[in-house]
Structure formats: structure tokens, C-alpha cells
Amino acid sequence: MDKTTQQQLMTGEVMHADSSTARVKVGRTKMHPIYRKRYSIHSSVLAHVPTGMQLEKGAVVTVERCRPISKRKRWAVVKPS
């Protein structure tokens, strides 16, 4: 996979799910530039849930970057993992 494809898909945990929107907490690890210690960073994104898909809190899902759906919603749930 090239770098652009890796940034398009992320895996995270559902923190809150509505009928059409889910708040997904995604995390990644970084390395400190001086001390070379690894640490984790978490952020939350709003993702669009397709019709017919039911999500519950704590479910692990894969989200994909998509066109802007609303003011803060730029991700869509691809599949529950």
C-alpha cells in the first residue's frame, strides 16, 4: 500500500452510535524525536453509518475517508471488524 491509501483507512472503537452517525476513537503510535520513546495518540472522528448497519458502543470498525457529508463528518464506516 502506498502512503495515501494507508491514510484513507483507519480502525477504531465506536464510542457513540446513532442511526446515521458514529463517533469512532482511532489511535496510533508515534515516536518521540529526541528520546525515541513510543507513545500513543487518540482522536475521535464522526463517521457516516450506512442504512441497515447496526453499531453498538465498543464495536471495532474500519472507517474510510469520503466526501464531506456535513460540517464535521468526513468519514464513513466501511465494515465492522
C-alpha atoms as a PDB file:
ATOM      1  CA  MET A   1       0.000   0.000   0.000  1.00  0.00           C
ATOM      2  CA  ASP A   2       1.201   3.482  -0.712  1.00  0.00           C
ATOM      3  CA  LYS A   3       1.080   6.278   1.822  1.00  0.00           C
ATOM      4  CA  THR A   4      -2.169   7.844   0.544  1.00  0.00           C
ATOM      5  CA  THR A   5      -4.068   4.550   0.787  1.00  0.00           C
ATOM      6  CA  GLN A   6      -2.890   3.984   4.357  1.00  0.00           C
ATOM      7  CA  GLN A   7      -4.242   7.372   5.421  1.00  0.00           C
ATOM      8  CA  GLN A   8      -7.626   6.665   3.841  1.00  0.00           C
ATOM      9  CA  LEU A   9      -8.490   3.678   6.100  1.00  0.00           C
ATOM     10  CA  MET A  10      -8.387   3.633   9.895  1.00  0.00           C
ATOM     11  CA  THR A  11      -9.546   1.162  12.521  1.00  0.00           C
ATOM     12  CA  GLY A  12     -11.112   2.312  15.749  1.00  0.00           C
ATOM     13  CA  GLU A  13     -13.621   1.709  18.511  1.00  0.00           C
ATOM     14  CA  VAL A  14     -17.181   3.051  18.479  1.00  0.00           C
ATOM     15  CA  MET A  15     -17.708   5.457  21.372  1.00  0.00           C
ATOM     16  CA  HIS A  16     -21.267   6.524  20.482  1.00  0.00           C
ATOM     17  CA  ALA A  17     -23.597   5.362  17.716  1.00  0.00           C
ATOM     18  CA  ASP A  18     -26.729   6.972  16.347  1.00  0.00           C
ATOM     19  CA  SER A  19     -28.910   5.968  13.424  1.00  0.00           C
ATOM     20  CA  SER A  20     -26.691   7.622  10.807  1.00  0.00           C
ATOM     21  CA  THR A  21     -23.593   8.823  12.692  1.00  0.00           C
ATOM     22  CA  ALA A  22     -20.993   7.134  14.871  1.00  0.00           C
ATOM     23  CA  ARG A  23     -18.201   8.685  16.926  1.00  0.00           C
ATOM     24  CA  VAL A  24     -15.141   6.489  16.431  1.00  0.00           C
ATOM     25  CA  LYS A  25     -11.998   6.717  18.578  1.00  0.00           C
ATOM     26  CA  VAL A  26      -8.910   5.991  16.495  1.00  0.00           C
ATOM     27  CA  GLY A  27      -5.416   5.678  17.842  1.00  0.00           C
ATOM     28  CA  ARG A  28      -1.882   5.450  16.558  1.00  0.00           C
ATOM     29  CA  THR A  29       1.613   5.342  17.999  1.00  0.00           C
ATOM     30  CA  LYS A  30       4.310   7.938  17.480  1.00  0.00           C
ATOM     31  CA  MET A  31       7.962   8.038  18.386  1.00  0.00           C
ATOM     32  CA  HIS A  32       9.413  10.987  20.272  1.00  0.00           C
ATOM     33  CA  PRO A  33      12.026  12.693  18.086  1.00  0.00           C
ATOM     34  CA  ILE A  34      14.655  13.083  20.836  1.00  0.00           C
ATOM     35  CA  TYR A  35      14.013  10.362  23.406  1.00  0.00           C
ATOM     36  CA  ARG A  36      12.871   7.681  20.911  1.00  0.00           C
ATOM     37  CA  LYS A  37      10.103   6.603  23.267  1.00  0.00           C
ATOM     38  CA  ARG A  38       6.863   5.417  21.715  1.00  0.00           C
ATOM     39  CA  TYR A  39       3.605   6.963  22.861  1.00  0.00           C
ATOM     40  CA  SER A  40       0.022   6.677  21.710  1.00  0.00           C
ATOM     41  CA  ILE A  41      -2.268   9.381  20.379  1.00  0.00           C
ATOM     42  CA  HIS A  42      -6.060   9.080  20.235  1.00  0.00           C
ATOM     43  CA  SER A  43      -8.517  11.195  18.304  1.00  0.00           C
ATOM     44  CA  SER A  44     -12.203  10.851  17.560  1.00  0.00           C
ATOM     45  CA  VAL A  45     -13.877  11.233  14.186  1.00  0.00           C
ATOM     46  CA  LEU A  46     -17.511  11.374  13.152  1.00  0.00           C
ATOM     47  CA  ALA A  47     -18.336   8.669  10.627  1.00  0.00           C
ATOM     48  CA  HIS A  48     -21.404   8.068   8.490  1.00  0.00           C
ATOM     49  CA  VAL A  49     -23.175   4.756   9.131  1.00  0.00           C
ATOM     50  CA  PRO A  50     -24.830   3.248   6.022  1.00  0.00           C
ATOM     51  CA  THR A  51     -28.502   2.343   6.229  1.00  0.00           C
ATOM     52  CA  GLY A  52     -29.129  -1.133   7.548  1.00  0.00           C
ATOM     53  CA  MET A  53     -25.914  -1.333   9.575  1.00  0.00           C
ATOM     54  CA  GLN A  54     -26.321  -1.522  13.364  1.00  0.00           C
ATOM     55  CA  LEU A  55     -23.411  -0.463  15.578  1.00  0.00           C
ATOM     56  CA  GLU A  56     -23.058  -0.702  19.326  1.00  0.00           C
ATOM     57  CA  LYS A  57     -20.724   1.019  21.735  1.00  0.00           C
ATOM     58  CA  GLY A  58     -17.375  -0.778  21.921  1.00  0.00           C
ATOM     59  CA  ALA A  59     -17.537  -2.358  18.472  1.00  0.00           C
ATOM     60  CA  VAL A  60     -14.352  -2.234  16.387  1.00  0.00           C
ATOM     61  CA  VAL A  61     -14.929  -0.760  12.921  1.00  0.00           C
ATOM     62  CA  THR A  62     -12.954   0.302   9.868  1.00  0.00           C
ATOM     63  CA  VAL A  63     -13.610   3.836   8.600  1.00  0.00           C
ATOM     64  CA  GLU A  64     -12.735   5.315   5.233  1.00  0.00           C
ATOM     65  CA  ARG A  65     -12.255   8.935   4.199  1.00  0.00           C
ATOM     66  CA  CYS A  66     -15.070  10.188   1.953  1.00  0.00           C
ATOM     67  CA  ARG A  67     -16.547  13.412   0.628  1.00  0.00           C
ATOM     68  CA  PRO A  68     -17.840  15.907   3.228  1.00  0.00           C
ATOM     69  CA  ILE A  69     -21.293  14.766   4.347  1.00  0.00           C
ATOM     70  CA  SER A  70     -21.856  17.501   6.929  1.00  0.00           C
ATOM     71  CA  LYS A  71     -19.829  20.145   8.755  1.00  0.00           C
ATOM     72  CA  ARG A  72     -17.684  17.675  10.727  1.00  0.00           C
ATOM     73  CA  LYS A  73     -18.473  14.327   9.094  1.00  0.00           C
ATOM     74  CA  ARG A  74     -15.779  13.304   6.576  1.00  0.00           C
ATOM     75  CA  TRP A  75     -15.527   9.573   7.274  1.00  0.00           C
ATOM     76  CA  ALA A  76     -17.763   6.571   6.504  1.00  0.00           C
ATOM     77  CA  VAL A  77     -17.955   3.186   8.208  1.00  0.00           C
ATOM     78  CA  VAL A  78     -16.802   0.521   5.754  1.00  0.00           C
ATOM     79  CA  LYS A  79     -17.226  -2.636   7.818  1.00  0.00           C
ATOM     80  CA  PRO A  80     -17.434  -3.764  11.426  1.00  0.00           C
ATOM     81  CA  SER A  81     -14.263  -5.711  12.202  1.00  0.00           C
END
